[in-house]
Amino acid sequence: MTKQPITLITGASRGLGAAAAEALSAQGHHIIALARTTGALEELDDRIKAQGGTATLVPLDIKDADAVARLCISINDRWGGLDMWLHTVVHAAPLSPANMAAQKDWDDSFNTNVRMAQQLIVNIDPLLTPRKGTAVHCIDPRAGQKFFAAYGASKAAQRALFNSWAQEVEPLGRKVIGFSPNPMPTATRARFYPGEVRAKLTPCADEAQRLIRQLEG
């Protein structure tokens, strides 16, 4: 009998994270859904249950390093590891010229998008190792574009971090995959493009299915 795949999604309450949680649940994955917003997690759980899936809700801020460490210990104790980790958490700093970006926006961007991503890797890598699990991170091509200095630089650093990890675990039979979503009608994008016609953007559910196809390819 095949063991049920266990998938951790950080940033699962909305956007691509929530859509991927529903799509992977429909394929038989048990979803460990982590996000800060309890209400949105509960709504996600209702949708997962409605399609016959199962989820464990984790209302947690990834900036709480001790809580993340405790979570990973609990995952190991309960399931013995992870088959997949999908990381969709991002801090979207306000758009600003590079010479005018507030120091707090720089600090928050690098703290969430780089430092916390590194801490998650430290804690989650041992959970992926026993099952030769896959890690997925989201790539954003806007690094270097005007007004995206804080956000773009932190996402570029995050990509370099995951790329290094990918090369380190490849000889062990593991995969770290970068996924570049098409523009979606998410809250993050709305902060960058407030006047955009959202109906012309790709639904998050469609991108979740494209991600699954990439994982299966």
N, C-alpha and C. Protein backbone atom coordinates (compact mmCIF):
# COMPACT_ATOMS: atom_id res chain seq x y z
N MET A 1 0.85 -1.20 0.00
CA MET A 1 0.00 0.00 0.00
C MET A 1 0.88 1.25 0.00
N THR A 2 0.60 2.17 -0.91
CA THR A 2 1.40 3.37 -1.02
C THR A 2 1.09 4.32 0.12
N LYS A 3 2.13 4.84 0.74
CA LYS A 3 1.95 5.79 1.83
C LYS A 3 1.49 7.13 1.27
N GLN A 4 0.57 7.78 1.98
CA GLN A 4 0.05 9.06 1.54
C GLN A 4 1.15 10.10 1.53
N PRO A 5 1.34 10.82 0.41
CA PRO A 5 2.36 11.86 0.38
C PRO A 5 2.02 12.98 1.36
N ILE A 6 3.04 13.49 2.03
CA ILE A 6 2.89 14.57 2.99
C ILE A 6 3.55 15.81 2.41
N THR A 7 2.78 16.87 2.25
CA THR A 7 3.27 18.10 1.63
C THR A 7 3.07 19.29 2.56
N LEU A 8 4.15 20.01 2.81
CA LEU A 8 4.11 21.24 3.58
C LEU A 8 4.06 22.42 2.61
N ILE A 9 3.10 23.31 2.81
CA ILE A 9 3.01 24.53 2.00
C ILE A 9 3.12 25.72 2.93
N THR A 10 4.19 26.48 2.78
CA THR A 10 4.35 27.70 3.55
C THR A 10 3.79 28.86 2.73
N GLY A 11 2.81 29.53 3.32
CA GLY A 11 2.08 30.56 2.58
C GLY A 11 0.86 29.97 1.92
N ALA A 12 0.13 29.12 2.67
CA ALA A 12 -0.94 28.32 2.07
C ALA A 12 -2.31 28.97 2.11
N SER A 13 -2.44 30.13 2.73
CA SER A 13 -3.79 30.64 2.95
C SER A 13 -4.42 31.29 1.72
N ARG A 14 -3.59 31.81 0.82
CA ARG A 14 -4.13 32.53 -0.33
C ARG A 14 -3.25 32.28 -1.56
N GLY A 15 -3.73 32.79 -2.71
CA GLY A 15 -2.92 32.78 -3.92
C GLY A 15 -2.50 31.40 -4.38
N LEU A 16 -1.28 31.32 -4.91
CA LEU A 16 -0.78 30.07 -5.44
C LEU A 16 -0.69 29.00 -4.36
N GLY A 17 -0.31 29.38 -3.14
CA GLY A 17 -0.19 28.40 -2.07
C GLY A 17 -1.50 27.70 -1.79
N ALA A 18 -2.58 28.46 -1.70
CA ALA A 18 -3.90 27.86 -1.45
C ALA A 18 -4.36 27.02 -2.64
N ALA A 19 -4.14 27.53 -3.85
CA ALA A 19 -4.55 26.78 -5.04
C ALA A 19 -3.79 25.47 -5.15
N ALA A 20 -2.49 25.51 -4.85
CA ALA A 20 -1.69 24.28 -4.90
C ALA A 20 -2.12 23.31 -3.81
N ALA A 21 -2.49 23.84 -2.64
CA ALA A 21 -2.97 22.97 -1.56
C ALA A 21 -4.20 22.19 -2.01
N GLU A 22 -5.13 22.87 -2.65
CA GLU A 22 -6.34 22.20 -3.13
C GLU A 22 -6.02 21.18 -4.23
N ALA A 23 -5.16 21.58 -5.17
CA ALA A 23 -4.84 20.70 -6.29
C ALA A 23 -4.09 19.45 -5.83
N LEU A 24 -3.11 19.63 -4.95
CA LEU A 24 -2.34 18.47 -4.47
C LEU A 24 -3.18 17.59 -3.56
N SER A 25 -4.07 18.20 -2.78
CA SER A 25 -4.98 17.41 -1.95
C SER A 25 -5.86 16.52 -2.82
N ALA A 26 -6.31 17.06 -3.93
CA ALA A 26 -7.15 16.28 -4.84
C ALA A 26 -6.40 15.08 -5.42
N GLN A 27 -5.07 15.16 -5.42
CA GLN A 27 -4.24 14.05 -5.89
C GLN A 27 -3.84 13.10 -4.77
N GLY A 28 -4.36 13.32 -3.58
CA GLY A 28 -4.11 12.39 -2.48
C GLY A 28 -3.09 12.83 -1.47
N HIS A 29 -2.52 14.02 -1.62
CA HIS A 29 -1.54 14.50 -0.65
C HIS A 29 -2.25 14.94 0.63
N HIS A 30 -1.63 14.67 1.77
CA HIS A 30 -2.06 15.32 3.01
C HIS A 30 -1.31 16.64 3.08
N ILE A 31 -2.04 17.73 3.24
CA ILE A 31 -1.46 19.06 3.20
C ILE A 31 -1.23 19.60 4.61
N ILE A 32 -0.01 20.00 4.89
CA ILE A 32 0.29 20.76 6.09
C ILE A 32 0.31 22.22 5.65
N ALA A 33 -0.75 22.94 5.99
CA ALA A 33 -0.95 24.30 5.48
C ALA A 33 -0.52 25.32 6.52
N LEU A 34 0.54 26.06 6.20
CA LEU A 34 1.09 27.04 7.12
C LEU A 34 0.84 28.44 6.58
N ALA A 35 0.34 29.30 7.44
CA ALA A 35 0.14 30.72 7.10
C ALA A 35 -0.16 31.46 8.39
N ARG A 36 -0.15 32.79 8.30
CA ARG A 36 -0.42 33.59 9.50
C ARG A 36 -1.90 33.76 9.77
N THR A 37 -2.74 33.67 8.74
CA THR A 37 -4.15 34.03 8.85
C THR A 37 -5.01 32.81 9.14
N THR A 38 -5.49 32.71 10.37
CA THR A 38 -6.26 31.53 10.79
C THR A 38 -7.54 31.39 9.99
N GLY A 39 -8.28 32.48 9.81
CA GLY A 39 -9.54 32.41 9.09
C GLY A 39 -9.39 31.89 7.67
N ALA A 40 -8.37 32.37 6.97
CA ALA A 40 -8.15 31.91 5.59
C ALA A 40 -7.73 30.44 5.56
N LEU A 41 -6.98 30.01 6.56
CA LEU A 41 -6.61 28.59 6.64
C LEU A 41 -7.85 27.72 6.86
N GLU A 42 -8.75 28.18 7.70
CA GLU A 42 -9.97 27.42 7.96
C GLU A 42 -10.84 27.33 6.71
N GLU A 43 -10.88 28.40 5.94
CA GLU A 43 -11.63 28.36 4.68
C GLU A 43 -10.99 27.38 3.70
N LEU A 44 -9.67 27.37 3.66
CA LEU A 44 -8.95 26.40 2.82
C LEU A 44 -9.27 24.98 3.26
N ASP A 45 -9.26 24.74 4.56
CA ASP A 45 -9.56 23.41 5.10
C ASP A 45 -10.96 22.97 4.68
N ASP A 46 -11.92 23.88 4.70
CA ASP A 46 -13.28 23.54 4.28
C ASP A 46 -13.29 23.10 2.82
N ARG A 47 -12.55 23.81 1.98
CA ARG A 47 -12.53 23.45 0.55
C ARG A 47 -11.84 22.11 0.33
N ILE A 48 -10.78 21.87 1.07
CA ILE A 48 -10.08 20.59 0.95
C ILE A 48 -10.97 19.43 1.41
N LYS A 49 -11.64 19.61 2.53
CA LYS A 49 -12.53 18.57 3.03
C LYS A 49 -13.69 18.31 2.07
N ALA A 50 -14.19 19.37 1.43
CA ALA A 50 -15.31 19.23 0.51
C ALA A 50 -14.98 18.35 -0.68
N GLN A 51 -13.70 18.27 -1.03
CA GLN A 51 -13.29 17.40 -2.14
C GLN A 51 -12.69 16.09 -1.64
N GLY A 52 -12.87 15.81 -0.36
CA GLY A 52 -12.45 14.52 0.18
C GLY A 52 -11.01 14.47 0.64
N GLY A 53 -10.35 15.62 0.73
CA GLY A 53 -8.96 15.64 1.14
C GLY A 53 -8.77 15.88 2.62
N THR A 54 -7.51 15.91 3.04
CA THR A 54 -7.19 16.13 4.45
C THR A 54 -6.09 17.17 4.57
N ALA A 55 -6.14 17.91 5.67
CA ALA A 55 -5.13 18.94 5.89
C ALA A 55 -4.89 19.11 7.38
N THR A 56 -3.70 19.55 7.71
CA THR A 56 -3.34 19.98 9.05
C THR A 56 -3.04 21.46 8.98
N LEU A 57 -3.74 22.26 9.77
CA LEU A 57 -3.59 23.71 9.72
C LEU A 57 -2.55 24.18 10.73
N VAL A 58 -1.66 25.06 10.28
CA VAL A 58 -0.60 25.59 11.14
C VAL A 58 -0.63 27.12 11.04
N PRO A 59 -1.36 27.80 11.93
CA PRO A 59 -1.33 29.27 11.94
C PRO A 59 -0.05 29.76 12.61
N LEU A 60 0.92 30.14 11.78
CA LEU A 60 2.27 30.42 12.28
C LEU A 60 2.94 31.44 11.38
N ASP A 61 3.73 32.32 11.96
CA ASP A 61 4.53 33.28 11.22
C ASP A 61 5.94 32.69 11.07
N ILE A 62 6.43 32.60 9.84
CA ILE A 62 7.75 31.97 9.64
C ILE A 62 8.87 32.77 10.29
N LYS A 63 8.59 34.01 10.68
CA LYS A 63 9.61 34.78 11.38
C LYS A 63 9.82 34.30 12.82
N ASP A 64 8.91 33.47 13.30
CA ASP A 64 9.04 32.86 14.63
C ASP A 64 9.88 31.60 14.50
N ALA A 65 11.20 31.76 14.58
CA ALA A 65 12.12 30.66 14.31
C ALA A 65 11.91 29.49 15.27
N ASP A 66 11.64 29.77 16.53
CA ASP A 66 11.44 28.70 17.51
C ASP A 66 10.19 27.89 17.17
N ALA A 67 9.12 28.58 16.76
CA ALA A 67 7.89 27.88 16.40
C ALA A 67 8.09 27.01 15.16
N VAL A 68 8.86 27.51 14.20
CA VAL A 68 9.17 26.72 13.00
C VAL A 68 9.94 25.46 13.38
N ALA A 69 10.91 25.61 14.25
CA ALA A 69 11.70 24.45 14.69
C ALA A 69 10.81 23.42 15.39
N ARG A 70 9.91 23.90 16.24
CA ARG A 70 9.00 22.97 16.94
C ARG A 70 8.07 22.28 15.95
N LEU A 71 7.59 23.01 14.95
CA LEU A 71 6.73 22.42 13.93
C LEU A 71 7.45 21.28 13.22
N CYS A 72 8.69 21.51 12.84
CA CYS A 72 9.43 20.50 12.09
C CYS A 72 9.70 19.26 12.95
N ILE A 73 9.93 19.45 14.23
CA ILE A 73 10.06 18.30 15.14
C ILE A 73 8.75 17.52 15.18
N SER A 74 7.63 18.24 15.24
CA SER A 74 6.32 17.58 15.27
C SER A 74 6.05 16.81 13.98
N ILE A 75 6.43 17.41 12.83
CA ILE A 75 6.25 16.71 11.55
C ILE A 75 7.05 15.41 11.54
N ASN A 76 8.27 15.48 12.01
CA ASN A 76 9.10 14.28 12.05
C ASN A 76 8.49 13.22 12.96
N ASP A 77 8.03 13.66 14.13
CA ASP A 77 7.46 12.70 15.09
C ASP A 77 6.19 12.05 14.55
N ARG A 78 5.38 12.81 13.84
CA ARG A 78 4.08 12.29 13.38
C ARG A 78 4.16 11.54 12.07
N TRP A 79 4.94 12.08 11.11
CA TRP A 79 4.95 11.48 9.77
C TRP A 79 6.32 10.93 9.35
N GLY A 80 7.35 11.25 10.09
CA GLY A 80 8.67 10.75 9.74
C GLY A 80 9.35 11.47 8.60
N GLY A 81 8.79 12.58 8.15
CA GLY A 81 9.41 13.34 7.07
C GLY A 81 8.38 13.95 6.15
N LEU A 82 8.88 14.56 5.09
CA LEU A 82 8.04 15.21 4.09
C LEU A 82 8.35 14.67 2.70
N ASP A 83 7.33 14.64 1.85
CA ASP A 83 7.54 14.29 0.45
C ASP A 83 7.72 15.55 -0.41
N MET A 84 7.16 16.67 0.07
CA MET A 84 7.27 17.90 -0.70
C MET A 84 7.15 19.10 0.23
N TRP A 85 7.89 20.15 -0.15
CA TRP A 85 7.74 21.45 0.48
C TRP A 85 7.58 22.49 -0.62
N LEU A 86 6.49 23.24 -0.56
CA LEU A 86 6.24 24.33 -1.50
C LEU A 86 6.29 25.64 -0.71
N HIS A 87 7.21 26.52 -1.10
CA HIS A 87 7.40 27.79 -0.38
C HIS A 87 6.88 28.93 -1.22
N THR A 88 5.80 29.57 -0.73
CA THR A 88 5.20 30.68 -1.48
C THR A 88 5.15 31.98 -0.66
N VAL A 89 5.71 31.97 0.54
CA VAL A 89 5.71 33.18 1.36
C VAL A 89 6.60 34.25 0.72
N VAL A 90 6.13 35.49 0.72
CA VAL A 90 6.94 36.56 0.17
C VAL A 90 6.58 37.87 0.88
N HIS A 91 7.59 38.70 1.06
CA HIS A 91 7.33 40.06 1.53
C HIS A 91 7.44 40.99 0.33
N ALA A 92 6.36 41.69 0.05
CA ALA A 92 6.33 42.59 -1.11
C ALA A 92 6.47 44.03 -0.62
N ALA A 93 7.68 44.55 -0.69
CA ALA A 93 7.92 45.92 -0.27
C ALA A 93 7.29 46.89 -1.25
N PRO A 94 6.89 48.08 -0.80
CA PRO A 94 6.34 49.08 -1.72
C PRO A 94 7.34 49.44 -2.81
N LEU A 95 6.83 49.70 -4.00
CA LEU A 95 7.71 50.10 -5.09
C LEU A 95 8.35 51.45 -4.77
N SER A 96 9.63 51.56 -5.11
CA SER A 96 10.36 52.79 -4.79
C SER A 96 11.65 52.82 -5.59
N PRO A 97 12.11 54.02 -5.97
CA PRO A 97 13.45 54.12 -6.55
C PRO A 97 14.48 53.57 -5.57
N ALA A 98 15.54 53.02 -6.10
CA ALA A 98 16.55 52.38 -5.24
C ALA A 98 17.13 53.34 -4.21
N ASN A 99 17.26 54.61 -4.58
CA ASN A 99 17.88 55.56 -3.66
C ASN A 99 16.90 56.16 -2.66
N MET A 100 15.62 55.72 -2.74
CA MET A 100 14.62 56.29 -1.85
C MET A 100 13.90 55.23 -1.01
N ALA A 101 14.23 53.96 -1.21
CA ALA A 101 13.55 52.89 -0.47
C ALA A 101 13.85 53.02 1.02
N ALA A 102 12.81 52.88 1.83
CA ALA A 102 12.98 52.97 3.28
C ALA A 102 13.81 51.81 3.80
N GLN A 103 14.64 52.08 4.79
CA GLN A 103 15.48 51.03 5.35
C GLN A 103 14.65 49.88 5.90
N LYS A 104 13.51 50.19 6.48
CA LYS A 104 12.64 49.13 7.02
C LYS A 104 12.18 48.20 5.91
N ASP A 105 11.87 48.76 4.73
CA ASP A 105 11.44 47.91 3.61
C ASP A 105 12.57 47.00 3.15
N TRP A 106 13.79 47.52 3.11
CA TRP A 106 14.94 46.67 2.78
C TRP A 106 15.09 45.56 3.82
N ASP A 107 15.03 45.94 5.09
CA ASP A 107 15.23 44.96 6.16
C ASP A 107 14.14 43.90 6.15
N ASP A 108 12.88 44.32 6.00
CA ASP A 108 11.78 43.36 5.99
C ASP A 108 11.87 42.43 4.78
N SER A 109 12.26 42.98 3.63
CA SER A 109 12.37 42.16 2.42
C SER A 109 13.42 41.07 2.59
N PHE A 110 14.60 41.44 3.05
CA PHE A 110 15.66 40.45 3.17
C PHE A 110 15.45 39.52 4.36
N ASN A 111 14.79 40.01 5.40
CA ASN A 111 14.52 39.15 6.54
C ASN A 111 13.55 38.03 6.16
N THR A 112 12.46 38.38 5.47
CA THR A 112 11.47 37.37 5.09
C THR A 112 11.90 36.55 3.89
N ASN A 113 12.35 37.23 2.84
CA ASN A 113 12.59 36.54 1.56
C ASN A 113 13.91 35.78 1.52
N VAL A 114 14.86 36.15 2.38
CA VAL A 114 16.16 35.48 2.34
C VAL A 114 16.47 34.79 3.68
N ARG A 115 16.54 35.58 4.73
CA ARG A 115 16.95 35.00 6.02
C ARG A 115 15.97 33.92 6.50
N MET A 116 14.67 34.20 6.44
CA MET A 116 13.70 33.21 6.88
C MET A 116 13.66 32.01 5.94
N ALA A 117 13.86 32.23 4.65
CA ALA A 117 13.93 31.11 3.70
C ALA A 117 15.09 30.19 4.06
N GLN A 118 16.23 30.80 4.42
CA GLN A 118 17.39 29.99 4.81
C GLN A 118 17.11 29.19 6.08
N GLN A 119 16.44 29.81 7.04
CA GLN A 119 16.11 29.11 8.27
C GLN A 119 15.12 27.97 8.03
N LEU A 120 14.19 28.18 7.10
CA LEU A 120 13.28 27.09 6.73
C LEU A 120 14.05 25.93 6.11
N ILE A 121 15.00 26.25 5.24
CA ILE A 121 15.81 25.19 4.63
C ILE A 121 16.54 24.39 5.70
N VAL A 122 17.12 25.09 6.68
CA VAL A 122 17.84 24.41 7.77
C VAL A 122 16.92 23.40 8.46
N ASN A 123 15.70 23.80 8.73
CA ASN A 123 14.77 22.95 9.49
C ASN A 123 14.09 21.89 8.63
N ILE A 124 13.84 22.21 7.36
CA ILE A 124 13.05 21.31 6.52
C ILE A 124 13.91 20.29 5.78
N ASP A 125 15.15 20.63 5.48
CA ASP A 125 16.02 19.69 4.76
C ASP A 125 16.06 18.31 5.42
N PRO A 126 16.21 18.21 6.74
CA PRO A 126 16.23 16.87 7.35
C PRO A 126 14.91 16.11 7.19
N LEU A 127 13.81 16.83 7.01
CA LEU A 127 12.53 16.16 6.81
C LEU A 127 12.38 15.62 5.40
N LEU A 128 12.99 16.28 4.43
CA LEU A 128 12.92 15.83 3.04
C LEU A 128 13.89 14.69 2.74
N THR A 129 14.97 14.62 3.50
CA THR A 129 16.03 13.65 3.22
C THR A 129 15.56 12.20 3.24
N PRO A 130 14.81 11.73 4.27
CA PRO A 130 14.46 10.30 4.32
C PRO A 130 13.62 9.83 3.14
N ARG A 131 12.77 10.71 2.61
CA ARG A 131 11.87 10.32 1.52
C ARG A 131 12.35 10.84 0.16
N LYS A 132 13.55 11.41 0.13
CA LYS A 132 14.05 12.04 -1.09
C LYS A 132 13.01 13.00 -1.65
N GLY A 133 12.52 13.84 -0.74
CA GLY A 133 11.45 14.76 -1.09
C GLY A 133 11.90 15.90 -1.98
N THR A 134 10.93 16.61 -2.52
CA THR A 134 11.15 17.72 -3.45
C THR A 134 10.78 19.04 -2.79
N ALA A 135 11.61 20.05 -3.00
CA ALA A 135 11.31 21.40 -2.54
C ALA A 135 11.05 22.28 -3.75
N VAL A 136 10.06 23.16 -3.64
CA VAL A 136 9.69 24.06 -4.73
C VAL A 136 9.68 25.49 -4.20
N HIS A 137 10.33 26.38 -4.91
CA HIS A 137 10.29 27.79 -4.56
C HIS A 137 9.84 28.59 -5.77
N CYS A 138 9.34 29.79 -5.52
CA CYS A 138 8.78 30.61 -6.60
C CYS A 138 9.80 31.63 -7.08
N ILE A 139 9.99 31.68 -8.38
CA ILE A 139 10.92 32.61 -9.02
C ILE A 139 10.14 33.83 -9.50
N ASP A 140 10.74 35.00 -9.33
CA ASP A 140 10.13 36.23 -9.84
C ASP A 140 11.13 36.91 -10.76
N PRO A 141 10.77 37.16 -12.02
CA PRO A 141 11.73 37.70 -12.99
C PRO A 141 11.95 39.21 -12.89
N ARG A 142 11.34 39.87 -11.89
CA ARG A 142 11.41 41.33 -11.87
C ARG A 142 12.67 41.88 -11.22
N ALA A 143 13.59 41.02 -10.80
CA ALA A 143 14.85 41.51 -10.23
C ALA A 143 15.56 42.39 -11.24
N GLY A 144 15.96 43.58 -10.81
CA GLY A 144 16.66 44.50 -11.69
C GLY A 144 15.76 45.47 -12.42
N GLN A 145 14.45 45.29 -12.33
CA GLN A 145 13.55 46.24 -12.97
C GLN A 145 13.43 47.50 -12.12
N LYS A 146 13.12 48.61 -12.76
CA LYS A 146 13.02 49.87 -12.03
C LYS A 146 11.91 49.81 -10.98
N PHE A 147 12.20 50.41 -9.85
CA PHE A 147 11.30 50.53 -8.70
C PHE A 147 11.12 49.23 -7.91
N PHE A 148 11.77 48.15 -8.35
CA PHE A 148 11.66 46.88 -7.64
C PHE A 148 12.93 46.56 -6.85
N ALA A 149 13.68 47.58 -6.45
CA ALA A 149 15.00 47.34 -5.87
C ALA A 149 14.95 46.42 -4.65
N ALA A 150 14.18 46.78 -3.64
CA ALA A 150 14.17 45.99 -2.40
C ALA A 150 13.58 44.60 -2.64
N TYR A 151 12.43 44.56 -3.29
CA TYR A 151 11.78 43.27 -3.56
C TYR A 151 12.62 42.43 -4.51
N GLY A 152 13.03 43.04 -5.63
CA GLY A 152 13.77 42.28 -6.64
C GLY A 152 15.10 41.77 -6.15
N ALA A 153 15.83 42.59 -5.40
CA ALA A 153 17.13 42.16 -4.89
C ALA A 153 16.98 41.00 -3.91
N SER A 154 15.95 41.07 -3.06
CA SER A 154 15.76 39.99 -2.09
C SER A 154 15.31 38.70 -2.77
N LYS A 155 14.47 38.81 -3.80
CA LYS A 155 14.06 37.61 -4.53
C LYS A 155 15.22 37.02 -5.32
N ALA A 156 16.10 37.86 -5.86
CA ALA A 156 17.27 37.36 -6.56
C ALA A 156 18.19 36.61 -5.59
N ALA A 157 18.34 37.16 -4.39
CA ALA A 157 19.16 36.48 -3.38
C ALA A 157 18.52 35.17 -2.95
N GLN A 158 17.20 35.17 -2.83
CA GLN A 158 16.50 33.93 -2.48
C GLN A 158 16.71 32.86 -3.55
N ARG A 159 16.64 33.28 -4.81
CA ARG A 159 16.84 32.33 -5.91
C ARG A 159 18.24 31.74 -5.87
N ALA A 160 19.24 32.58 -5.58
CA ALA A 160 20.61 32.08 -5.48
C ALA A 160 20.74 31.08 -4.34
N LEU A 161 20.06 31.37 -3.23
CA LEU A 161 20.08 30.45 -2.08
C LEU A 161 19.52 29.09 -2.46
N PHE A 162 18.36 29.07 -3.09
CA PHE A 162 17.74 27.80 -3.47
C PHE A 162 18.54 27.09 -4.56
N ASN A 163 19.14 27.85 -5.47
CA ASN A 163 19.96 27.22 -6.52
C ASN A 163 21.17 26.52 -5.92
N SER A 164 21.78 27.13 -4.92
CA SER A 164 22.91 26.47 -4.25
C SER A 164 22.46 25.20 -3.57
N TRP A 165 21.35 25.28 -2.87
CA TRP A 165 20.81 24.09 -2.19
C TRP A 165 20.49 22.99 -3.20
N ALA A 166 19.94 23.38 -4.35
CA ALA A 166 19.59 22.40 -5.38
C ALA A 166 20.81 21.60 -5.83
N GLN A 167 21.93 22.30 -6.05
CA GLN A 167 23.14 21.60 -6.49
C GLN A 167 23.71 20.72 -5.39
N GLU A 168 23.52 21.12 -4.15
CA GLU A 168 24.05 20.35 -3.02
C GLU A 168 23.30 19.04 -2.81
N VAL A 169 21.97 19.06 -3.05
CA VAL A 169 21.18 17.85 -2.77
C VAL A 169 20.97 16.96 -3.99
N GLU A 170 21.28 17.48 -5.18
CA GLU A 170 21.07 16.67 -6.40
C GLU A 170 21.83 15.35 -6.36
N PRO A 171 23.09 15.31 -5.90
CA PRO A 171 23.79 14.02 -5.84
C PRO A 171 23.14 13.02 -4.88
N LEU A 172 22.27 13.52 -3.99
CA LEU A 172 21.60 12.66 -3.02
C LEU A 172 20.25 12.16 -3.53
N GLY A 173 19.94 12.46 -4.80
CA GLY A 173 18.68 12.02 -5.38
C GLY A 173 17.51 12.91 -5.04
N ARG A 174 17.79 14.14 -4.64
CA ARG A 174 16.76 15.08 -4.23
C ARG A 174 16.61 16.17 -5.29
N LYS A 175 15.47 16.86 -5.26
CA LYS A 175 15.22 17.94 -6.22
C LYS A 175 14.79 19.21 -5.48
N VAL A 176 15.34 20.33 -5.93
CA VAL A 176 14.88 21.65 -5.53
C VAL A 176 14.53 22.37 -6.83
N ILE A 177 13.27 22.69 -6.99
CA ILE A 177 12.76 23.19 -8.26
C ILE A 177 12.30 24.64 -8.13
N GLY A 178 12.66 25.45 -9.10
CA GLY A 178 12.16 26.82 -9.17
C GLY A 178 10.98 26.90 -10.11
N PHE A 179 9.91 27.54 -9.66
CA PHE A 179 8.70 27.68 -10.49
C PHE A 179 8.42 29.16 -10.68
N SER A 180 8.27 29.57 -11.92
CA SER A 180 8.01 30.98 -12.24
C SER A 180 6.55 31.13 -12.67
N PRO A 181 5.69 31.56 -11.76
CA PRO A 181 4.26 31.65 -12.11
C PRO A 181 4.00 32.77 -13.12
N ASN A 182 3.01 32.55 -13.94
CA ASN A 182 2.50 33.63 -14.77
C ASN A 182 1.78 34.64 -13.88
N PRO A 183 1.61 35.88 -14.34
CA PRO A 183 0.92 36.88 -13.52
C PRO A 183 -0.47 36.39 -13.09
N MET A 184 -0.72 36.43 -11.77
CA MET A 184 -1.97 35.95 -11.19
C MET A 184 -2.65 37.08 -10.42
N PRO A 185 -3.96 37.01 -10.23
CA PRO A 185 -4.69 38.06 -9.51
C PRO A 185 -4.55 37.91 -7.99
N THR A 186 -3.33 38.06 -7.49
CA THR A 186 -3.06 37.90 -6.07
C THR A 186 -2.97 39.27 -5.39
N ALA A 187 -3.01 39.23 -4.06
CA ALA A 187 -2.88 40.47 -3.30
C ALA A 187 -1.50 41.08 -3.49
N THR A 188 -0.47 40.23 -3.62
CA THR A 188 0.88 40.74 -3.83
C THR A 188 0.97 41.51 -5.14
N ARG A 189 0.43 40.94 -6.20
CA ARG A 189 0.49 41.63 -7.50
C ARG A 189 -0.32 42.92 -7.46
N ALA A 190 -1.44 42.91 -6.76
CA ALA A 190 -2.27 44.12 -6.68
C ALA A 190 -1.52 45.26 -6.01
N ARG A 191 -0.60 44.95 -5.12
CA ARG A 191 0.20 46.00 -4.50
C ARG A 191 1.13 46.65 -5.51
N PHE A 192 1.63 45.86 -6.46
CA PHE A 192 2.54 46.37 -7.47
C PHE A 192 1.80 47.05 -8.63
N TYR A 193 0.65 46.51 -9.00
CA TYR A 193 -0.10 47.01 -10.16
C TYR A 193 -1.56 47.25 -9.77
N PRO A 194 -1.84 48.28 -8.97
CA PRO A 194 -3.18 48.47 -8.43
C PRO A 194 -4.26 48.74 -9.47
N GLY A 195 -3.91 49.27 -10.62
CA GLY A 195 -4.92 49.58 -11.62
C GLY A 195 -5.09 48.51 -12.69
N GLU A 196 -4.44 47.38 -12.50
CA GLU A 196 -4.45 46.33 -13.51
C GLU A 196 -5.82 45.66 -13.61
N VAL A 197 -6.19 45.25 -14.82
CA VAL A 197 -7.43 44.49 -15.02
C VAL A 197 -7.18 43.04 -14.62
N ARG A 198 -7.69 42.66 -13.47
CA ARG A 198 -7.39 41.34 -12.91
C ARG A 198 -7.97 40.20 -13.73
N ALA A 199 -9.05 40.47 -14.47
CA ALA A 199 -9.69 39.41 -15.26
C ALA A 199 -8.76 38.89 -16.36
N LYS A 200 -7.75 39.68 -16.74
CA LYS A 200 -6.83 39.26 -17.79
C LYS A 200 -5.68 38.41 -17.26
N LEU A 201 -5.58 38.26 -15.95
CA LEU A 201 -4.49 37.50 -15.35
C LEU A 201 -4.85 36.01 -15.27
N THR A 202 -3.83 35.19 -15.10
CA THR A 202 -4.02 33.75 -15.06
C THR A 202 -4.54 33.33 -13.68
N PRO A 203 -5.64 32.59 -13.62
CA PRO A 203 -6.14 32.14 -12.32
C PRO A 203 -5.10 31.31 -11.56
N CYS A 204 -5.09 31.48 -10.25
CA CYS A 204 -4.13 30.73 -9.43
C CYS A 204 -4.31 29.23 -9.60
N ALA A 205 -5.55 28.78 -9.76
CA ALA A 205 -5.80 27.34 -9.94
C ALA A 205 -5.13 26.80 -11.20
N ASP A 206 -5.12 27.61 -12.26
CA ASP A 206 -4.46 27.18 -13.50
C ASP A 206 -2.95 27.06 -13.30
N GLU A 207 -2.37 28.01 -12.57
CA GLU A 207 -0.94 27.95 -12.32
C GLU A 207 -0.58 26.79 -11.39
N ALA A 208 -1.47 26.47 -10.46
CA ALA A 208 -1.24 25.31 -9.61
C ALA A 208 -1.20 24.02 -10.43
N GLN A 209 -2.09 23.92 -11.41
CA GLN A 209 -2.08 22.74 -12.27
C GLN A 209 -0.82 22.71 -13.14
N ARG A 210 -0.37 23.88 -13.59
CA ARG A 210 0.87 23.93 -14.38
C ARG A 210 2.07 23.51 -13.53
N LEU A 211 2.07 23.92 -12.26
CA LEU A 211 3.13 23.50 -11.36
C LEU A 211 3.13 21.98 -11.21
N ILE A 212 1.97 21.40 -11.04
CA ILE A 212 1.89 19.94 -10.89
C ILE A 212 2.41 19.25 -12.14
N ARG A 213 2.08 19.77 -13.31
CA ARG A 213 2.59 19.18 -14.55
C ARG A 213 4.11 19.28 -14.60
N GLN A 214 4.66 20.40 -14.13
CA GLN A 214 6.12 20.55 -14.10
C GLN A 214 6.75 19.53 -13.14
N LEU A 215 6.11 19.29 -12.03
CA LEU A 215 6.63 18.32 -11.07
C LEU A 215 6.58 16.91 -11.62
N GLU A 216 5.58 16.64 -12.42
CA GLU A 216 5.41 15.30 -12.99
C GLU A 216 6.27 15.08 -14.22
N GLY A 217 6.75 16.17 -14.82
CA GLY A 217 7.50 16.08 -16.08
C GLY A 217 8.92 15.58 -15.88
